[in-house]
PDB file of N, CA and C in Angstrom:
ATOM      1  N   MET A   1       9.016  24.333 -44.103  1.00  0.00           N
ATOM      2  CA  MET A   1      10.190  24.768 -44.313  1.00  0.00           C
ATOM      3  C   MET A   1      10.336  26.252 -43.819  1.00  0.00           C
ATOM      4  N   ALA A   2      11.657  26.693 -43.727  1.00  0.00           N
ATOM      5  CA  ALA A   2      11.849  27.958 -43.226  1.00  0.00           C
ATOM      6  C   ALA A   2      11.298  29.020 -44.194  1.00  0.00           C
ATOM      7  N   GLY A   3      11.285  28.752 -45.482  1.00  0.00           N
ATOM      8  CA  GLY A   3      10.795  29.680 -46.416  1.00  0.00           C
ATOM      9  C   GLY A   3       9.249  29.881 -46.326  1.00  0.00           C
ATOM     10  N   GLU A   4       8.566  28.848 -46.068  1.00  0.00           N
ATOM     11  CA  GLU A   4       7.065  29.044 -45.827  1.00  0.00           C
ATOM     12  C   GLU A   4       6.837  29.699 -44.604  1.00  0.00           C
ATOM     13  N   ARG A   5       7.526  29.438 -43.568  1.00  0.00           N
ATOM     14  CA  ARG A   5       7.373  30.127 -42.316  1.00  0.00           C
ATOM     15  C   ARG A   5       7.739  31.603 -42.436  1.00  0.00           C
ATOM     16  N   THR A   6       8.758  31.946 -43.158  1.00  0.00           N
ATOM     17  CA  THR A   6       9.000  33.356 -43.400  1.00  0.00           C
ATOM     18  C   THR A   6       8.037  34.093 -44.062  1.00  0.00           C
ATOM     19  N   LYS A   7       7.619  33.436 -45.265  1.00  0.00           N
ATOM     20  CA  LYS A   7       6.481  34.001 -46.006  1.00  0.00           C
ATOM     21  C   LYS A   7       5.195  34.253 -45.145  1.00  0.00           C
ATOM     22  N   GLY A   8       4.890  33.322 -44.186  1.00  0.00           N
ATOM     23  CA  GLY A   8       3.892  33.370 -43.504  1.00  0.00           C
ATOM     24  C   GLY A   8       3.980  34.615 -42.462  1.00  0.00           C
ATOM     25  N   SER A   9       5.166  34.783 -41.929  1.00  0.00           N
ATOM     26  CA  SER A   9       5.416  35.844 -40.968  1.00  0.00           C
ATOM     27  C   SER A   9       5.220  37.150 -41.707  1.00  0.00           C
ATOM     28  N   ILE A  10       5.700  37.233 -42.869  1.00  0.00           N
ATOM     29  CA  ILE A  10       5.581  38.537 -43.661  1.00  0.00           C
ATOM     30  C   ILE A  10       4.130  38.831 -44.015  1.00  0.00           C
ATOM     31  N   ASN A  11       3.374  37.780 -44.339  1.00  0.00           N
ATOM     32  CA  ASN A  11       1.972  38.032 -44.661  1.00  0.00           C
ATOM     33  C   ASN A  11       1.125  38.347 -43.460  1.00  0.00           C
ATOM     34  N   LYS A  12       1.519  37.773 -42.266  1.00  0.00           N
ATOM     35  CA  LYS A  12       0.877  38.223 -40.988  1.00  0.00           C
ATOM     36  C   LYS A  12       1.248  39.590 -40.715  1.00  0.00           C
ATOM     37  N   ALA A  13       2.407  40.009 -40.848  1.00  0.00           N
ATOM     38  CA  ALA A  13       2.739  41.434 -40.529  1.00  0.00           C
ATOM     39  C   ALA A  13       2.149  42.381 -41.469  1.00  0.00           C
ATOM     40  N   THR A  14       2.086  42.111 -42.807  1.00  0.00           N
ATOM     41  CA  THR A  14       1.420  42.864 -43.765  1.00  0.00           C
ATOM     42  C   THR A  14       0.015  42.908 -43.522  1.00  0.00           C
ATOM     43  N   GLY A  15      -0.587  41.956 -43.240  1.00  0.00           N
ATOM     44  CA  GLY A  15      -2.040  41.999 -42.806  1.00  0.00           C
ATOM     45  C   GLY A  15      -2.354  42.802 -41.658  1.00  0.00           C
ATOM     46  N   LYS A  16      -1.507  42.681 -40.709  1.00  0.00           N
ATOM     47  CA  LYS A  16      -1.707  43.564 -39.453  1.00  0.00           C
ATOM     48  C   LYS A  16      -1.678  45.008 -39.953  1.00  0.00           C
ATOM     49  N   VAL A  17      -0.716  45.541 -40.707  1.00  0.00           N
ATOM     50  CA  VAL A  17      -0.599  46.801 -41.178  1.00  0.00           C
ATOM     51  C   VAL A  17      -1.885  47.239 -41.899  1.00  0.00           C
ATOM     52  N   GLU A  18      -2.266  46.341 -42.928  1.00  0.00           N
ATOM     53  CA  GLU A  18      -3.477  46.510 -43.717  1.00  0.00           C
ATOM     54  C   GLU A  18      -4.571  46.696 -42.738  1.00  0.00           C
ATOM     55  N   GLU A  19      -4.853  45.830 -41.846  1.00  0.00           N
ATOM     56  CA  GLU A  19      -5.971  45.913 -40.968  1.00  0.00           C
ATOM     57  C   GLU A  19      -6.009  47.281 -40.123  1.00  0.00           C
ATOM     58  N   ASP A  20      -4.783  47.529 -39.572  1.00  0.00           N
ATOM     59  CA  ASP A  20      -4.779  48.788 -38.786  1.00  0.00           C
ATOM     60  C   ASP A  20      -4.982  50.088 -39.660  1.00  0.00           C
ATOM     61  N   LEU A  21      -4.523  50.029 -40.857  1.00  0.00           N
ATOM     62  CA  LEU A  21      -4.687  51.156 -41.780  1.00  0.00           C
ATOM     63  C   LEU A  21      -6.200  51.292 -41.979  1.00  0.00           C
ATOM     64  N   GLY A  22      -6.945  50.144 -42.232  1.00  0.00           N
ATOM     65  CA  GLY A  22      -8.393  50.127 -42.454  1.00  0.00           C
ATOM     66  C   GLY A  22      -9.108  50.737 -41.185  1.00  0.00           C
ATOM     67  N   LYS A  23      -8.601  50.334 -40.066  1.00  0.00           N
ATOM     68  CA  LYS A  23      -9.178  50.941 -38.840  1.00  0.00           C
ATOM     69  C   LYS A  23      -9.107  52.374 -38.726  1.00  0.00           C
ATOM     70  N   LEU A  24      -7.941  52.884 -39.035  1.00  0.00           N
ATOM     71  CA  LEU A  24      -7.451  54.271 -38.952  1.00  0.00           C
ATOM     72  C   LEU A  24      -8.412  55.037 -39.918  1.00  0.00           C
ATOM     73  N   THR A  25      -8.562  54.534 -41.111  1.00  0.00           N
ATOM     74  CA  THR A  25      -9.396  55.335 -42.114  1.00  0.00           C
ATOM     75  C   THR A  25     -10.798  54.882 -42.139  1.00  0.00           C
ATOM     76  N   GLY A  26     -11.240  54.011 -41.304  1.00  0.00           N
ATOM     77  CA  GLY A  26     -12.649  53.549 -41.284  1.00  0.00           C
ATOM     78  C   GLY A  26     -13.009  52.692 -42.492  1.00  0.00           C
ATOM     79  N   ASP A  27     -12.095  52.122 -43.195  1.00  0.00           N
ATOM     80  CA  ASP A  27     -12.371  51.344 -44.317  1.00  0.00           C
ATOM     81  C   ASP A  27     -12.527  49.775 -43.864  1.00  0.00           C
ATOM     82  N   ARG A  28     -13.752  49.335 -43.839  1.00  0.00           N
ATOM     83  CA  ARG A  28     -14.020  47.991 -43.354  1.00  0.00           C
ATOM     84  C   ARG A  28     -13.546  46.941 -44.341  1.00  0.00           C
ATOM     85  N   SER A  29     -13.555  47.311 -45.667  1.00  0.00           N
ATOM     86  CA  SER A  29     -12.942  46.319 -46.608  1.00  0.00           C
ATOM     87  C   SER A  29     -11.448  46.206 -46.526  1.00  0.00           C
ATOM     88  N   GLN A  30     -10.752  47.181 -46.166  1.00  0.00           N
ATOM     89  CA  GLN A  30      -9.236  47.127 -45.919  1.00  0.00           C
ATOM     90  C   GLN A  30      -9.003  46.310 -44.733  1.00  0.00           C
ATOM     91  N   GLN A  31      -9.864  46.480 -43.724  1.00  0.00           N
ATOM     92  CA  GLN A  31      -9.715  45.780 -42.365  1.00  0.00           C
ATOM     93  C   GLN A  31      -9.851  44.341 -42.653  1.00  0.00           C
ATOM     94  N   ALA A  32     -10.938  43.861 -43.555  1.00  0.00           N
ATOM     95  CA  ALA A  32     -11.182  42.454 -43.750  1.00  0.00           C
ATOM     96  C   ALA A  32     -10.040  41.836 -44.624  1.00  0.00           C
ATOM     97  N   LYS A  33      -9.554  42.674 -45.569  1.00  0.00           N
ATOM     98  CA  LYS A  33      -8.391  42.214 -46.391  1.00  0.00           C
ATOM     99  C   LYS A  33      -7.146  41.928 -45.522  1.00  0.00           C
ATOM    100  N   GLY A  34      -6.960  42.812 -44.597  1.00  0.00           N
ATOM    101  CA  GLY A  34      -5.780  42.639 -43.535  1.00  0.00           C
ATOM    102  C   GLY A  34      -6.079  41.487 -42.699  1.00  0.00           C
ATOM    103  N   LYS A  35      -7.196  41.221 -42.296  1.00  0.00           N
ATOM    104  CA  LYS A  35      -7.407  39.981 -41.501  1.00  0.00           C
ATOM    105  C   LYS A  35      -7.229  38.769 -42.210  1.00  0.00           C
ATOM    106  N   ALA A  36      -7.747  38.800 -43.463  1.00  0.00           N
ATOM    107  CA  ALA A  36      -7.596  37.613 -44.413  1.00  0.00           C
ATOM    108  C   ALA A  36      -6.111  37.268 -44.601  1.00  0.00           C
ATOM    109  N   LYS A  37      -5.264  38.328 -44.772  1.00  0.00           N
ATOM    110  CA  LYS A  37      -3.904  38.021 -45.041  1.00  0.00           C
ATOM    111  C   LYS A  37      -3.239  37.539 -43.828  1.00  0.00           C
ATOM    112  N   GLN A  38      -3.657  37.961 -42.634  1.00  0.00           N
ATOM    113  CA  GLN A  38      -3.065  37.390 -41.439  1.00  0.00           C
ATOM    114  C   GLN A  38      -3.397  35.877 -41.307  1.00  0.00           C
ATOM    115  N   ILE A  39      -4.668  35.560 -41.560  1.00  0.00           N
ATOM    116  CA  ILE A  39      -4.999  34.148 -41.593  1.00  0.00           C
ATOM    117  C   ILE A  39      -4.174  33.380 -42.648  1.00  0.00           C
ATOM    118  N   GLN A  40      -4.002  33.971 -43.779  1.00  0.00           N
ATOM    119  CA  GLN A  40      -3.230  33.272 -44.726  1.00  0.00           C
ATOM    120  C   GLN A  40      -1.776  33.028 -44.203  1.00  0.00           C
ATOM    121  N   GLY A  41      -1.297  33.973 -43.609  1.00  0.00           N
ATOM    122  CA  GLY A  41       0.046  33.887 -43.044  1.00  0.00           C
ATOM    123  C   GLY A  41       0.221  32.879 -41.956  1.00  0.00           C
ATOM    124  N   SER A  42      -0.736  32.809 -41.066  1.00  0.00           N
ATOM    125  CA  SER A  42      -0.881  31.718 -40.141  1.00  0.00           C
ATOM    126  C   SER A  42      -0.867  30.319 -40.713  1.00  0.00           C
ATOM    127  N   ALA A  43      -1.652  30.223 -41.773  1.00  0.00           N
ATOM    128  CA  ALA A  43      -1.668  28.860 -42.455  1.00  0.00           C
ATOM    129  C   ALA A  43      -0.325  28.642 -43.145  1.00  0.00           C
ATOM    130  N   GLN A  44       0.295  29.575 -43.701  1.00  0.00           N
ATOM    131  CA  GLN A  44       1.592  29.374 -44.272  1.00  0.00           C
ATOM    132  C   GLN A  44       2.652  28.972 -43.320  1.00  0.00           C
ATOM    133  N   GLN A  45       2.527  29.453 -42.108  1.00  0.00           N
ATOM    134  CA  GLN A  45       3.578  29.191 -41.084  1.00  0.00           C
ATOM    135  C   GLN A  45       3.208  27.662 -40.604  1.00  0.00           C
ATOM    136  N   GLY A  46       1.943  27.245 -40.587  1.00  0.00           N
ATOM    137  CA  GLY A  46       1.660  26.022 -40.233  1.00  0.00           C
ATOM    138  C   GLY A  46       2.123  24.894 -41.268  1.00  0.00           C
ATOM    139  N   VAL A  47       2.018  25.316 -42.493  1.00  0.00           N
ATOM    140  CA  VAL A  47       2.492  24.501 -43.549  1.00  0.00           C
ATOM    141  C   VAL A  47       4.068  24.275 -43.481  1.00  0.00           C
ATOM    142  N   GLY A  48       4.751  25.362 -43.174  1.00  0.00           N
ATOM    143  CA  GLY A  48       6.248  25.322 -42.871  1.00  0.00           C
ATOM    144  C   GLY A  48       6.559  24.442 -41.848  1.00  0.00           C
ATOM    145  N   ASN A  49       5.764  24.564 -40.673  1.00  0.00           N
ATOM    146  CA  ASN A  49       6.014  23.643 -39.505  1.00  0.00           C
ATOM    147  C   ASN A  49       5.835  22.246 -39.776  1.00  0.00           C
ATOM    148  N   LEU A  50       4.719  21.952 -40.596  1.00  0.00           N
ATOM    149  CA  LEU A  50       4.478  20.575 -41.017  1.00  0.00           C
ATOM    150  C   LEU A  50       5.645  19.988 -41.920  1.00  0.00           C
ATOM    151  N   GLN A  51       6.075  20.842 -42.793  1.00  0.00           N
ATOM    152  CA  GLN A  51       7.171  20.387 -43.685  1.00  0.00           C
ATOM    153  C   GLN A  51       8.406  20.027 -42.877  1.00  0.00           C
ATOM    154  N   ASP A  52       8.691  20.931 -41.929  1.00  0.00           N
ATOM    155  CA  ASP A  52       9.825  20.732 -41.139  1.00  0.00           C
ATOM    156  C   ASP A  52       9.695  19.374 -40.276  1.00  0.00           C
ATOM    157  N   ALA A  53       8.441  19.257 -39.746  1.00  0.00           N
ATOM    158  CA  ALA A  53       8.258  17.985 -38.977  1.00  0.00           C
ATOM    159  C   ALA A  53       8.277  16.672 -39.765  1.00  0.00           C
ATOM    160  N   ALA A  54       7.987  16.860 -41.219  1.00  0.00           N
ATOM    161  CA  ALA A  54       7.944  15.589 -41.951  1.00  0.00           C
ATOM    162  C   ALA A  54       9.495  15.335 -42.517  1.00  0.00           C
ATOM    163  N   LYS A  55      10.262  16.233 -42.417  1.00  0.00           N
ATOM    164  CA  LYS A  55      11.684  16.067 -42.893  1.00  0.00           C
ATOM    165  C   LYS A  55      12.412  14.917 -42.158  1.00  0.00           C
ATOM    166  N   PRO A  56      13.010  13.943 -43.011  1.00  0.00           N
ATOM    167  CA  PRO A  56      13.849  12.985 -42.288  1.00  0.00           C
ATOM    168  C   PRO A  56      14.936  13.637 -41.555  1.00  0.00           C
ATOM    169  N   ARG A  57      15.298  13.116 -40.402  1.00  0.00           N
ATOM    170  CA  ARG A  57      16.387  13.601 -39.590  1.00  0.00           C
ATOM    171  C   ARG A  57      17.619  12.852 -39.744  1.00  0.00           C
TER     172      ARG A  57
END
């Protein structure tokens, strides 16, 4: 659904910011958290796409 895809996009963007902040400050933990959030966002987008594909037309 559009909601899941939107949440996924937000998580990916937030994760990218967190990862870049970690790179800037040299905080590997922050980088890893950001990368994980990006992966979560990608998964959410995939769920949204599957939900849309399963909708009756």
